[in-house]
PDB file of N, CA and C in Angstrom:
ATOM      1  N   MET A   1      85.846  56.716 108.418  1.00  0.00           N
ATOM      2  CA  MET A   1      85.165  57.117 109.628  1.00  0.00           C
ATOM      3  C   MET A   1      83.673  57.256 109.399  1.00  0.00           C
ATOM      4  N   LEU A   2      83.293  57.822 108.258  1.00  0.00           N
ATOM      5  CA  LEU A   2      81.882  58.054 107.947  1.00  0.00           C
ATOM      6  C   LEU A   2      81.508  57.310 106.688  1.00  0.00           C
ATOM      7  N   GLU A   3      80.288  56.889 106.653  1.00  0.00           N
ATOM      8  CA  GLU A   3      79.723  56.344 105.422  1.00  0.00           C
ATOM      9  C   GLU A   3      79.023  57.489 104.681  1.00  0.00           C
ATOM     10  N   ILE A   4      78.897  57.360 103.362  1.00  0.00           N
ATOM     11  CA  ILE A   4      78.217  58.384 102.602  1.00  0.00           C
ATOM     12  C   ILE A   4      76.785  58.571 103.084  1.00  0.00           C
ATOM     13  N   ALA A   5      76.147  57.509 103.528  1.00  0.00           N
ATOM     14  CA  ALA A   5      74.764  57.569 104.011  1.00  0.00           C
ATOM     15  C   ALA A   5      74.668  58.342 105.325  1.00  0.00           C
ATOM     16  N   ASP A   6      75.783  58.498 106.052  1.00  0.00           N
ATOM     17  CA  ASP A   6      75.767  59.212 107.333  1.00  0.00           C
ATOM     18  C   ASP A   6      75.743  60.733 107.119  1.00  0.00           C
ATOM     19  N   ILE A   7      76.071  61.206 105.952  1.00  0.00           N
ATOM     20  CA  ILE A   7      76.149  62.631 105.679  1.00  0.00           C
ATOM     21  C   ILE A   7      74.747  63.174 105.470  1.00  0.00           C
ATOM     22  N   PRO A   8      74.298  64.205 106.187  1.00  0.00           N
ATOM     23  CA  PRO A   8      72.952  64.774 105.959  1.00  0.00           C
ATOM     24  C   PRO A   8      72.858  65.377 104.545  1.00  0.00           C
ATOM     25  N   VAL A   9      71.651  65.432 104.029  1.00  0.00           N
ATOM     26  CA  VAL A   9      71.404  65.930 102.694  1.00  0.00           C
ATOM     27  C   VAL A   9      71.841  67.401 102.536  1.00  0.00           C
ATOM     28  N   GLU A  10      71.692  68.206 103.571  1.00  0.00           N
ATOM     29  CA  GLU A  10      72.035  69.610 103.475  1.00  0.00           C
ATOM     30  C   GLU A  10      73.517  69.913 103.685  1.00  0.00           C
ATOM     31  N   CYS A  11      74.345  68.880 103.800  1.00  0.00           N
ATOM     32  CA  CYS A  11      75.779  69.064 104.056  1.00  0.00           C
ATOM     33  C   CYS A  11      76.604  68.468 102.896  1.00  0.00           C
ATOM     34  N   GLY A  12      77.830  68.879 102.861  1.00  0.00           N
ATOM     35  CA  GLY A  12      78.780  68.341 101.876  1.00  0.00           C
ATOM     36  C   GLY A  12      79.858  67.566 102.646  1.00  0.00           C
ATOM     37  N   LEU A  13      80.816  67.019 101.865  1.00  0.00           N
ATOM     38  CA  LEU A  13      81.895  66.261 102.484  1.00  0.00           C
ATOM     39  C   LEU A  13      83.187  66.544 101.745  1.00  0.00           C
ATOM     40  N   ILE A  14      84.186  66.954 102.471  1.00  0.00           N
ATOM     41  CA  ILE A  14      85.509  67.204 101.930  1.00  0.00           C
ATOM     42  C   ILE A  14      86.470  66.273 102.658  1.00  0.00           C
ATOM     43  N   GLU A  15      87.238  65.487 101.876  1.00  0.00           N
ATOM     44  CA  GLU A  15      88.226  64.582 102.438  1.00  0.00           C
ATOM     45  C   GLU A  15      89.628  65.127 102.112  1.00  0.00           C
ATOM     46  N   ILE A  16      90.556  64.875 102.997  1.00  0.00           N
ATOM     47  CA  ILE A  16      91.944  65.256 102.782  1.00  0.00           C
ATOM     48  C   ILE A  16      92.676  64.044 102.238  1.00  0.00           C
ATOM     49  N   ASP A  17      93.195  64.211 100.990  1.00  0.00           N
ATOM     50  CA  ASP A  17      93.937  63.144 100.349  1.00  0.00           C
ATOM     51  C   ASP A  17      95.398  63.576 100.306  1.00  0.00           C
ATOM     52  N   GLY A  18      96.177  63.066 101.253  1.00  0.00           N
ATOM     53  CA  GLY A  18      97.568  63.519 101.366  1.00  0.00           C
ATOM     54  C   GLY A  18      97.577  64.921 101.889  1.00  0.00           C
ATOM     55  N   ALA A  19      97.933  65.889 101.050  1.00  0.00           N
ATOM     56  CA  ALA A  19      97.981  67.284 101.467  1.00  0.00           C
ATOM     57  C   ALA A  19      96.890  68.113 100.785  1.00  0.00           C
ATOM     58  N   PHE A  20      96.039  67.476  99.989  1.00  0.00           N
ATOM     59  CA  PHE A  20      95.072  68.209  99.197  1.00  0.00           C
ATOM     60  C   PHE A  20      93.646  67.842  99.589  1.00  0.00           C
ATOM     61  N   PRO A  21      92.759  68.845  99.727  1.00  0.00           N
ATOM     62  CA  PRO A  21      91.350  68.549  99.974  1.00  0.00           C
ATOM     63  C   PRO A  21      90.644  68.103  98.698  1.00  0.00           C
ATOM     64  N   VAL A  22      89.758  67.144  98.833  1.00  0.00           N
ATOM     65  CA  VAL A  22      88.996  66.614  97.693  1.00  0.00           C
ATOM     66  C   VAL A  22      87.514  66.658  98.089  1.00  0.00           C
ATOM     67  N   VAL A  23      86.709  67.296  97.245  1.00  0.00           N
ATOM     68  CA  VAL A  23      85.266  67.369  97.494  1.00  0.00           C
ATOM     69  C   VAL A  23      84.648  66.040  97.054  1.00  0.00           C
ATOM     70  N   LYS A  24      84.125  65.293  98.033  1.00  0.00           N
ATOM     71  CA  LYS A  24      83.460  64.013  97.734  1.00  0.00           C
ATOM     72  C   LYS A  24      81.979  64.216  97.489  1.00  0.00           C
ATOM     73  N   ILE A  25      81.346  65.060  98.308  1.00  0.00           N
ATOM     74  CA  ILE A  25      79.922  65.390  98.136  1.00  0.00           C
ATOM     75  C   ILE A  25      79.818  66.899  98.167  1.00  0.00           C
ATOM     76  N   PRO A  26      79.452  67.520  97.059  1.00  0.00           N
ATOM     77  CA  PRO A  26      79.300  68.985  97.077  1.00  0.00           C
ATOM     78  C   PRO A  26      78.070  69.392  97.922  1.00  0.00           C
ATOM     79  N   ALA A  27      78.229  70.450  98.685  1.00  0.00           N
ATOM     80  CA  ALA A  27      77.136  70.975  99.488  1.00  0.00           C
ATOM     81  C   ALA A  27      76.164  71.748  98.575  1.00  0.00           C
ATOM     82  N   PRO A  28      74.898  71.691  98.871  1.00  0.00           N
ATOM     83  CA  PRO A  28      73.922  72.452  98.042  1.00  0.00           C
ATOM     84  C   PRO A  28      74.070  73.954  98.295  1.00  0.00           C
ATOM     85  N   TRP A  29      73.767  74.730  97.308  1.00  0.00           N
ATOM     86  CA  TRP A  29      73.820  76.205  97.423  1.00  0.00           C
ATOM     87  C   TRP A  29      72.691  76.684  98.292  1.00  0.00           C
ATOM     88  N   ARG A  30      73.011  77.615  99.185  1.00  0.00           N
ATOM     89  CA  ARG A  30      71.994  78.179 100.076  1.00  0.00           C
ATOM     90  C   ARG A  30      71.928  79.695  99.800  1.00  0.00           C
ATOM     91  N   GLU A  31      70.736  80.217  99.639  1.00  0.00           N
ATOM     92  CA  GLU A  31      70.559  81.635  99.502  1.00  0.00           C
ATOM     93  C   GLU A  31      70.533  82.257 100.914  1.00  0.00           C
ATOM     94  N   THR A  32      71.550  83.026 101.201  1.00  0.00           N
ATOM     95  CA  THR A  32      71.636  83.661 102.513  1.00  0.00           C
ATOM     96  C   THR A  32      71.855  85.143 102.337  1.00  0.00           C
ATOM     97  N   PRO A  33      71.420  85.948 103.288  1.00  0.00           N
ATOM     98  CA  PRO A  33      71.675  87.376 103.177  1.00  0.00           C
ATOM     99  C   PRO A  33      73.162  87.676 103.382  1.00  0.00           C
ATOM    100  N   GLY A  34      73.599  88.779 102.813  1.00  0.00           N
ATOM    101  CA  GLY A  34      74.989  89.188 102.958  1.00  0.00           C
ATOM    102  C   GLY A  34      75.278  89.692 104.350  1.00  0.00           C
ATOM    103  N   PRO A  35      76.547  89.934 104.653  1.00  0.00           N
ATOM    104  CA  PRO A  35      76.901  90.454 105.988  1.00  0.00           C
ATOM    105  C   PRO A  35      76.369  91.883 106.174  1.00  0.00           C
ATOM    106  N   THR A  36      76.101  92.221 107.411  1.00  0.00           N
ATOM    107  CA  THR A  36      75.647  93.572 107.758  1.00  0.00           C
ATOM    108  C   THR A  36      76.846  94.489 107.896  1.00  0.00           C
ATOM    109  N   TRP A  37      76.587  95.797 107.866  1.00  0.00           N
ATOM    110  CA  TRP A  37      77.650  96.770 108.057  1.00  0.00           C
ATOM    111  C   TRP A  37      78.250  96.660 109.448  1.00  0.00           C
ATOM    112  N   GLN A  38      77.431  96.340 110.443  1.00  0.00           N
ATOM    113  CA  GLN A  38      77.930  96.184 111.810  1.00  0.00           C
ATOM    114  C   GLN A  38      78.911  95.032 111.879  1.00  0.00           C
ATOM    115  N   PHE A  39      78.585  93.936 111.204  1.00  0.00           N
ATOM    116  CA  PHE A  39      79.496  92.772 111.185  1.00  0.00           C
ATOM    117  C   PHE A  39      80.804  93.125 110.518  1.00  0.00           C
ATOM    118  N   LEU A  40      80.766  93.785 109.377  1.00  0.00           N
ATOM    119  CA  LEU A  40      81.970  94.172 108.656  1.00  0.00           C
ATOM    120  C   LEU A  40      82.826  95.126 109.506  1.00  0.00           C
ATOM    121  N   ALA A  41      82.169  96.092 110.161  1.00  0.00           N
ATOM    122  CA  ALA A  41      82.926  97.014 111.015  1.00  0.00           C
ATOM    123  C   ALA A  41      83.581  96.268 112.181  1.00  0.00           C
ATOM    124  N   SER A  42      82.888  95.305 112.731  1.00  0.00           N
ATOM    125  CA  SER A  42      83.443  94.517 113.826  1.00  0.00           C
ATOM    126  C   SER A  42      84.655  93.716 113.359  1.00  0.00           C
ATOM    127  N   MET A  43      84.567  93.155 112.161  1.00  0.00           N
ATOM    128  CA  MET A  43      85.730  92.437 111.609  1.00  0.00           C
ATOM    129  C   MET A  43      86.932  93.331 111.413  1.00  0.00           C
ATOM    130  N   MET A  44      86.697  94.542 110.904  1.00  0.00           N
ATOM    131  CA  MET A  44      87.776  95.480 110.675  1.00  0.00           C
ATOM    132  C   MET A  44      88.412  95.934 111.971  1.00  0.00           C
ATOM    133  N   ARG A  45      87.596  96.181 113.021  1.00  0.00           N
ATOM    134  CA  ARG A  45      88.157  96.563 114.310  1.00  0.00           C
ATOM    135  C   ARG A  45      89.016  95.426 114.889  1.00  0.00           C
ATOM    136  N   ASN A  46      88.541  94.199 114.763  1.00  0.00           N
ATOM    137  CA  ASN A  46      89.279  93.058 115.254  1.00  0.00           C
ATOM    138  C   ASN A  46      90.584  92.906 114.497  1.00  0.00           C
ATOM    139  N   GLN A  47      90.571  93.093 113.205  1.00  0.00           N
ATOM    140  CA  GLN A  47      91.776  92.987 112.410  1.00  0.00           C
ATOM    141  C   GLN A  47      92.790  94.076 112.795  1.00  0.00           C
ATOM    142  N   ARG A  48      92.294  95.295 113.015  1.00  0.00           N
ATOM    143  CA  ARG A  48      93.173  96.379 113.421  1.00  0.00           C
ATOM    144  C   ARG A  48      93.816  96.067 114.763  1.00  0.00           C
ATOM    145  N   ARG A  49      93.029  95.581 115.731  1.00  0.00           N
ATOM    146  CA  ARG A  49      93.587  95.249 117.039  1.00  0.00           C
ATOM    147  C   ARG A  49      94.658  94.174 116.923  1.00  0.00           C
ATOM    148  N   THR A  50      94.393  93.146 116.128  1.00  0.00           N
ATOM    149  CA  THR A  50      95.338  92.071 115.929  1.00  0.00           C
ATOM    150  C   THR A  50      96.613  92.584 115.275  1.00  0.00           C
ATOM    151  N   TYR A  51      96.464  93.434 114.274  1.00  0.00           N
ATOM    152  CA  TYR A  51      97.631  94.017 113.574  1.00  0.00           C
ATOM    153  C   TYR A  51      98.456  94.891 114.495  1.00  0.00           C
ATOM    154  N   GLU A  52      97.788  95.713 115.285  1.00  0.00           N
ATOM    155  CA  GLU A  52      98.499  96.615 116.171  1.00  0.00           C
ATOM    156  C   GLU A  52      99.234  95.843 117.274  1.00  0.00           C
ATOM    157  N   GLU A  53      98.700  94.720 117.718  1.00  0.00           N
ATOM    158  CA  GLU A  53      99.357  93.928 118.773  1.00  0.00           C
ATOM    159  C   GLU A  53     100.634  93.281 118.250  1.00  0.00           C
ATOM    160  N   LYS A  54     100.670  92.912 116.961  1.00  0.00           N
ATOM    161  CA  LYS A  54     101.812  92.195 116.417  1.00  0.00           C
ATOM    162  C   LYS A  54     102.979  93.113 116.141  1.00  0.00           C
ATOM    163  N   ILE A  55     102.749  94.355 115.861  1.00  0.00           N
ATOM    164  CA  ILE A  55     103.823  95.278 115.541  1.00  0.00           C
ATOM    165  C   ILE A  55     104.387  95.844 116.815  1.00  0.00           C
ATOM    166  N   THR A  56     105.648  95.588 117.055  1.00  0.00           N
ATOM    167  CA  THR A  56     106.302  96.180 118.199  1.00  0.00           C
ATOM    168  C   THR A  56     107.482  96.976 117.674  1.00  0.00           C
ATOM    169  N   PRO A  57     107.672  98.177 118.192  1.00  0.00           N
ATOM    170  CA  PRO A  57     108.792  98.980 117.720  1.00  0.00           C
ATOM    171  C   PRO A  57     110.126  98.315 118.046  1.00  0.00           C
ATOM    172  N   PRO A  58     111.106  98.507 117.225  1.00  0.00           N
ATOM    173  CA  PRO A  58     112.406  97.883 117.531  1.00  0.00           C
ATOM    174  C   PRO A  58     113.020  98.523 118.781  1.00  0.00           C
ATOM    175  N   LEU A  59     113.759  97.724 119.501  1.00  0.00           N
ATOM    176  CA  LEU A  59     114.433  98.240 120.707  1.00  0.00           C
ATOM    177  C   LEU A  59     115.575  99.115 120.269  1.00  0.00           C
ATOM    178  N   GLN A  60     115.656 100.294 120.847  1.00  0.00           N
ATOM    179  CA  GLN A  60     116.716 101.229 120.501  1.00  0.00           C
ATOM    180  C   GLN A  60     117.801 101.147 121.566  1.00  0.00           C
ATOM    181  N   GLN A  61     119.012 101.105 121.077  1.00  0.00           N
ATOM    182  CA  GLN A  61     120.136 101.056 122.001  1.00  0.00           C
ATOM    183  C   GLN A  61     121.051 102.261 121.720  1.00  0.00           C
ATOM    184  N   LYS A  62     121.591 102.769 122.808  1.00  0.00           N
ATOM    185  CA  LYS A  62     122.491 103.888 122.662  1.00  0.00           C
ATOM    186  C   LYS A  62     123.916 103.328 122.439  1.00  0.00           C
ATOM    187  N   LEU A  63     124.510 103.750 121.356  1.00  0.00           N
ATOM    188  CA  LEU A  63     125.861 103.293 121.068  1.00  0.00           C
ATOM    189  C   LEU A  63     126.866 104.296 121.632  1.00  0.00           C
ATOM    190  N   THR A  64     127.846 103.791 122.259  1.00  0.00           N
ATOM    191  CA  THR A  64     128.924 104.675 122.798  1.00  0.00           C
ATOM    192  C   THR A  64     130.186 104.360 122.030  1.00  0.00           C
ATOM    193  N   LEU A  65     130.874 105.420 121.612  1.00  0.00           N
ATOM    194  CA  LEU A  65     132.129 105.243 120.904  1.00  0.00           C
ATOM    195  C   LEU A  65     133.274 105.547 121.868  1.00  0.00           C
ATOM    196  N   GLU A  66     134.162 104.641 121.981  1.00  0.00           N
ATOM    197  CA  GLU A  66     135.282 104.857 122.902  1.00  0.00           C
ATOM    198  C   GLU A  66     136.583 104.957 122.153  1.00  0.00           C
TER     199      GLU A  66
END
């Protein structure tokens, strides 16, 4: 689909070979600042909401003995 010349210099290329990814062109290292505390707190809140939504208490049934 793409030629190697079509890939920008600041990008890398990963191809899927069967079920495994293969790095064809490694991306250059970029010095970036780390995440902020606000971003980390937001991620944790989102994870908690997702986790709480997935857990549902089991349905309780009253057993009657006859």
